[in-house]
C-alpha atoms as a PDB file:
ATOM      1  CA  MET A   1     132.756 134.976  59.762  1.00  0.00           C
ATOM      2  CA  ARG A   2     131.157 131.670  60.622  1.00  0.00           C
ATOM      3  CA  THR A   3     127.374 130.803  60.382  1.00  0.00           C
ATOM      4  CA  ASN A   4     125.717 128.171  62.173  1.00  0.00           C
ATOM      5  CA  ALA A   5     122.915 126.317  60.268  1.00  0.00           C
ATOM      6  CA  MET A   6     119.443 126.138  61.778  1.00  0.00           C
ATOM      7  CA  SER A   7     116.716 123.904  60.517  1.00  0.00           C
ATOM      8  CA  ARG A   8     113.410 125.409  59.343  1.00  0.00           C
ATOM      9  CA  ARG A   9     111.653 123.271  61.998  1.00  0.00           C
ATOM     10  CA  THR A  10     113.841 124.878  64.691  1.00  0.00           C
ATOM     11  CA  LEU A  11     113.380 128.235  63.253  1.00  0.00           C
ATOM     12  CA  LEU A  12     109.595 127.899  63.037  1.00  0.00           C
ATOM     13  CA  GLU A  13     109.288 126.524  66.682  1.00  0.00           C
ATOM     14  CA  ALA A  14     111.270 129.427  67.845  1.00  0.00           C
ATOM     15  CA  ALA A  15     109.255 131.866  65.969  1.00  0.00           C
ATOM     16  CA  ALA A  16     105.956 130.445  67.298  1.00  0.00           C
ATOM     17  CA  CYS A  17     107.312 130.624  70.860  1.00  0.00           C
ATOM     18  CA  ALA A  18     108.298 134.315  70.309  1.00  0.00           C
ATOM     19  CA  LEU A  19     105.089 135.000  68.715  1.00  0.00           C
ATOM     20  CA  ALA A  20     102.930 133.494  71.563  1.00  0.00           C
ATOM     21  CA  THR A  21     105.099 135.415  74.001  1.00  0.00           C
ATOM     22  CA  ALA A  22     104.751 138.720  72.259  1.00  0.00           C
ATOM     23  CA  SER A  23     100.889 138.325  71.796  1.00  0.00           C
ATOM     24  CA  GLY A  24     100.407 137.591  75.544  1.00  0.00           C
ATOM     25  CA  ILE A  25      98.635 134.171  75.313  1.00  0.00           C
ATOM     26  CA  PRO A  26      97.245 133.994  79.050  1.00  0.00           C
ATOM     27  CA  GLU A  27      98.158 130.206  79.437  1.00  0.00           C
ATOM     28  CA  ILE A  28     101.758 130.983  78.454  1.00  0.00           C
ATOM     29  CA  ALA A  29     102.007 134.195  80.293  1.00  0.00           C
ATOM     30  CA  ASN A  30     100.501 132.770  83.606  1.00  0.00           C
ATOM     31  CA  ALA A  31     102.319 129.343  83.252  1.00  0.00           C
ATOM     32  CA  HIS A  32     104.699 130.414  86.064  1.00  0.00           C
ATOM     33  CA  ALA A  33     102.687 132.684  88.057  1.00  0.00           C
ATOM     34  CA  GLN A  34     102.128 131.999  91.759  1.00  0.00           C
ATOM     35  CA  PRO A  35      98.439 130.918  92.439  1.00  0.00           C
ATOM     36  CA  THR A  36      96.415 133.495  94.216  1.00  0.00           C
ATOM     37  CA  LEU A  37      93.528 133.096  96.790  1.00  0.00           C
ATOM     38  CA  SER A  38      90.769 135.656  96.769  1.00  0.00           C
ATOM     39  CA  PRO A  39      90.960 138.139  99.689  1.00  0.00           C
ATOM     40  CA  LYS A  40      87.601 136.974 101.125  1.00  0.00           C
ATOM     41  CA  ASN A  41      88.718 133.322 101.207  1.00  0.00           C
ATOM     42  CA  ASP A  42      92.066 134.226 102.681  1.00  0.00           C
ATOM     43  CA  GLU A  43      89.978 136.175 105.424  1.00  0.00           C
ATOM     44  CA  THR A  44      88.005 133.242 106.144  1.00  0.00           C
ATOM     45  CA  ILE A  45      90.783 131.005 106.623  1.00  0.00           C
ATOM     46  CA  ARG A  46      92.475 133.209 108.993  1.00  0.00           C
ATOM     47  CA  LYS A  47      89.112 133.683 110.896  1.00  0.00           C
ATOM     48  CA  TYR A  48      89.084 129.885 111.201  1.00  0.00           C
ATOM     49  CA  TYR A  49      92.474 129.805 113.155  1.00  0.00           C
ATOM     50  CA  ALA A  50      91.574 132.879 115.184  1.00  0.00           C
ATOM     51  CA  ALA A  51      88.309 131.200 116.225  1.00  0.00           C
ATOM     52  CA  TRP A  52      90.316 128.372 117.792  1.00  0.00           C
ATOM     53  CA  GLU A  53      92.284 131.144 119.774  1.00  0.00           C
ATOM     54  CA  GLN A  54      89.012 132.879 120.897  1.00  0.00           C
ATOM     55  CA  LYS A  55      87.800 129.596 122.379  1.00  0.00           C
ATOM     56  CA  ASP A  56      84.200 130.385 121.137  1.00  0.00           C
ATOM     57  CA  TRP A  57      82.246 127.879 119.068  1.00  0.00           C
ATOM     58  CA  ARG A  58      79.681 130.295 117.703  1.00  0.00           C
ATOM     59  CA  PRO A  59      81.836 132.453 115.474  1.00  0.00           C
ATOM     60  CA  PHE A  60      83.678 129.181 114.451  1.00  0.00           C
ATOM     61  CA  ASP A  61      80.356 127.404 113.624  1.00  0.00           C
ATOM     62  CA  ASN A  62      79.541 130.471 111.488  1.00  0.00           C
ATOM     63  CA  LEU A  63      82.518 129.886 109.364  1.00  0.00           C
ATOM     64  CA  LEU A  64      81.637 126.222 108.588  1.00  0.00           C
ATOM     65  CA  ALA A  65      79.093 125.441 105.874  1.00  0.00           C
ATOM     66  CA  ASP A  66      76.294 123.170 106.845  1.00  0.00           C
ATOM     67  CA  ASN A  67      77.781 120.170 104.727  1.00  0.00           C
ATOM     68  CA  PHE A  68      81.079 120.813 106.378  1.00  0.00           C
ATOM     69  CA  SER A  69      83.289 117.560 106.423  1.00  0.00           C
ATOM     70  CA  PHE A  70      86.718 117.003 108.103  1.00  0.00           C
ATOM     71  CA  THR A  71      89.297 114.263 107.157  1.00  0.00           C
ATOM     72  CA  SER A  72      92.461 113.406 108.790  1.00  0.00           C
ATOM     73  CA  ALA A  73      94.811 110.397 109.530  1.00  0.00           C
ATOM     74  CA  ASN A  74      93.263 109.954 113.002  1.00  0.00           C
ATOM     75  CA  ASN A  75      90.424 107.903 111.880  1.00  0.00           C
ATOM     76  CA  ASP A  76      88.403 111.063 110.821  1.00  0.00           C
ATOM     77  CA  ASP A  77      86.975 110.122 107.293  1.00  0.00           C
ATOM     78  CA  HIS A  78      84.754 112.959 106.048  1.00  0.00           C
ATOM     79  CA  ILE A  79      83.149 113.446 109.530  1.00  0.00           C
ATOM     80  CA  SER A  80      80.298 116.116 109.778  1.00  0.00           C
ATOM     81  CA  LYS A  81      80.386 119.362 111.519  1.00  0.00           C
ATOM     82  CA  SER A  82      78.751 117.913 114.755  1.00  0.00           C
ATOM     83  CA  ALA A  83      81.168 115.120 114.778  1.00  0.00           C
ATOM     84  CA  PHE A  84      84.091 117.645 114.226  1.00  0.00           C
ATOM     85  CA  LYS A  85      82.889 119.654 117.251  1.00  0.00           C
ATOM     86  CA  THR A  86      82.867 116.600 119.414  1.00  0.00           C
ATOM     87  CA  ARG A  87      85.997 114.991 118.479  1.00  0.00           C
ATOM     88  CA  CYS A  88      88.185 117.886 117.543  1.00  0.00           C
ATOM     89  CA  TRP A  89      86.946 121.094 118.904  1.00  0.00           C
ATOM     90  CA  GLU A  90      85.868 120.142 122.293  1.00  0.00           C
ATOM     91  CA  SER A  91      88.968 117.843 122.827  1.00  0.00           C
ATOM     92  CA  GLN A  92      91.624 120.373 121.658  1.00  0.00           C
ATOM     93  CA  VAL A  93      90.119 124.051 122.004  1.00  0.00           C
ATOM     94  CA  ASP A  94      91.473 124.471 125.574  1.00  0.00           C
ATOM     95  CA  PHE A  95      94.601 122.745 124.688  1.00  0.00           C
ATOM     96  CA  ILE A  96      95.725 125.232 121.832  1.00  0.00           C
ATOM     97  CA  GLU A  97      97.341 128.509 122.645  1.00  0.00           C
ATOM     98  CA  ARG A  98      97.919 130.030 119.258  1.00  0.00           C
ATOM     99  CA  PHE A  99      98.447 129.228 115.496  1.00  0.00           C
ATOM    100  CA  GLU A 100     101.242 130.809 113.438  1.00  0.00           C
ATOM    101  CA  LEU A 101     100.237 130.420 109.836  1.00  0.00           C
ATOM    102  CA  GLU A 102     103.518 130.140 107.795  1.00  0.00           C
ATOM    103  CA  ARG A 103     101.724 129.724 104.319  1.00  0.00           C
ATOM    104  CA  VAL A 104      98.386 130.262 102.921  1.00  0.00           C
ATOM    105  CA  ILE A 105      98.309 129.352  99.264  1.00  0.00           C
ATOM    106  CA  GLY A 106      95.518 128.728  97.130  1.00  0.00           C
ATOM    107  CA  SER A 107      93.412 129.677  93.868  1.00  0.00           C
ATOM    108  CA  GLY A 108      89.743 130.007  93.615  1.00  0.00           C
ATOM    109  CA  ASP A 109      87.877 128.131  96.360  1.00  0.00           C
ATOM    110  CA  GLU A 110      90.844 125.921  97.431  1.00  0.00           C
ATOM    111  CA  ALA A 111      93.798 126.387  99.605  1.00  0.00           C
ATOM    112  CA  PHE A 112      96.563 124.933 101.545  1.00  0.00           C
ATOM    113  CA  VAL A 113      97.707 126.283 104.856  1.00  0.00           C
ATOM    114  CA  MET A 114     100.830 125.200 106.521  1.00  0.00           C
ATOM    115  CA  TYR A 115     101.066 126.261 110.122  1.00  0.00           C
ATOM    116  CA  VAL A 116     102.839 125.794 113.553  1.00  0.00           C
ATOM    117  CA  CYS A 117     100.466 125.273 116.515  1.00  0.00           C
ATOM    118  CA  ARG A 118     101.573 126.266 120.026  1.00  0.00           C
ATOM    119  CA  THR A 119      99.852 124.446 122.907  1.00  0.00           C
ATOM    120  CA  LYS A 120      99.509 125.511 126.431  1.00  0.00           C
ATOM    121  CA  ASN A 121     101.862 122.967 127.586  1.00  0.00           C
ATOM    122  CA  ALA A 122     104.682 124.500 125.576  1.00  0.00           C
ATOM    123  CA  LYS A 123     104.542 121.746 122.725  1.00  0.00           C
ATOM    124  CA  THR A 124     104.451 122.544 119.172  1.00  0.00           C
ATOM    125  CA  PHE A 125     103.200 120.747 116.116  1.00  0.00           C
ATOM    126  CA  ARG A 126     103.172 121.378 112.383  1.00  0.00           C
ATOM    127  CA  ASN A 127     100.310 120.654 110.116  1.00  0.00           C
ATOM    128  CA  VAL A 128      99.215 121.175 106.461  1.00  0.00           C
ATOM    129  CA  GLU A 129      95.577 121.494 105.904  1.00  0.00           C
ATOM    130  CA  TYR A 130      93.724 121.642 102.440  1.00  0.00           C
ATOM    131  CA  PHE A 131      90.682 123.854 102.604  1.00  0.00           C
ATOM    132  CA  ARG A 132      87.781 123.815 100.184  1.00  0.00           C
ATOM    133  CA  LEU A 133      85.673 126.962 100.465  1.00  0.00           C
ATOM    134  CA  ARG A 134      82.094 128.016  99.080  1.00  0.00           C
ATOM    135  CA  ALA A 135      80.423 131.299  99.374  1.00  0.00           C
ATOM    136  CA  GLY A 136      82.660 132.555 102.253  1.00  0.00           C
ATOM    137  CA  LYS A 137      82.321 129.437 104.297  1.00  0.00           C
ATOM    138  CA  VAL A 138      84.729 126.247 104.932  1.00  0.00           C
ATOM    139  CA  GLU A 139      83.090 123.335 103.239  1.00  0.00           C
ATOM    140  CA  ALA A 140      85.843 120.813 103.809  1.00  0.00           C
ATOM    141  CA  ILE A 141      89.304 120.391 105.547  1.00  0.00           C
ATOM    142  CA  GLU A 142      91.826 117.692 104.868  1.00  0.00           C
ATOM    143  CA  CYS A 143      94.293 117.628 107.632  1.00  0.00           C
ATOM    144  CA  TYR A 144      97.995 116.280 107.001  1.00  0.00           C
ATOM    145  CA  PHE A 145      99.828 116.019 110.373  1.00  0.00           C
ATOM    146  CA  GLY A 146     103.449 117.042 110.495  1.00  0.00           C
ATOM    147  CA  ALA A 147     106.348 114.431 111.349  1.00  0.00           C
ATOM    148  CA  GLN A 148     106.871 113.951 114.893  1.00  0.00           C
ATOM    149  CA  ALA A 149     110.683 113.905 114.471  1.00  0.00           C
ATOM    150  CA  SER A 150     110.739 117.687 113.832  1.00  0.00           C
ATOM    151  CA  PHE A 151     107.699 118.725 115.695  1.00  0.00           C
ATOM    152  CA  ALA A 152     106.660 116.530 118.459  1.00  0.00           C
ATOM    153  CA  SER A 153     102.971 116.624 118.256  1.00  0.00           C
ATOM    154  CA  ALA A 154     101.272 116.624 121.564  1.00  0.00           C
ATOM    155  CA  VAL A 155      97.940 116.404 119.852  1.00  0.00           C
ATOM    156  CA  GLY A 156      99.017 113.391 117.684  1.00  0.00           C
ATOM    157  CA  SER A 157     100.410 111.406 120.656  1.00  0.00           C
ATOM    158  CA  GLY A 158      97.364 112.061 122.932  1.00  0.00           C
ATOM    159  CA  ARG A 159      99.505 113.712 125.590  1.00  0.00           C
ATOM    160  CA  ARG A 160      98.223 116.799 127.272  1.00  0.00           C
END
């Protein structure tokens, strides 16, 4: 019978890992867990996209915090709710047919949403948006536009 030599250091490290796993230390137990978003924040995000499809500013406005800001690569650097209404909502609401949410991933009051948007002129585009929420309202959104090579963005190109 052959035995392999193991240093005490290696043995102690292995024992510490086994002990930590057995004792259920939360940091270790949750190290590979998927982040979760509260049902309330998930619902707020889904209502946000549904409001675009309803074409009614009032419920949309109710979802946005008073200090709401929007940022995108389209010269939108932390614009206010009123600027967002003028520059984004009013110019795009009648252009959008529907959103298909592919991923809503988050933790606490932060989430990333990846979606495909279908426009009324049969175009599609894909974006990822980072949401910051507080007390059931959308406090901030940062929009990261998708590549035109894979989803020709009618919105990004200015075509209607």
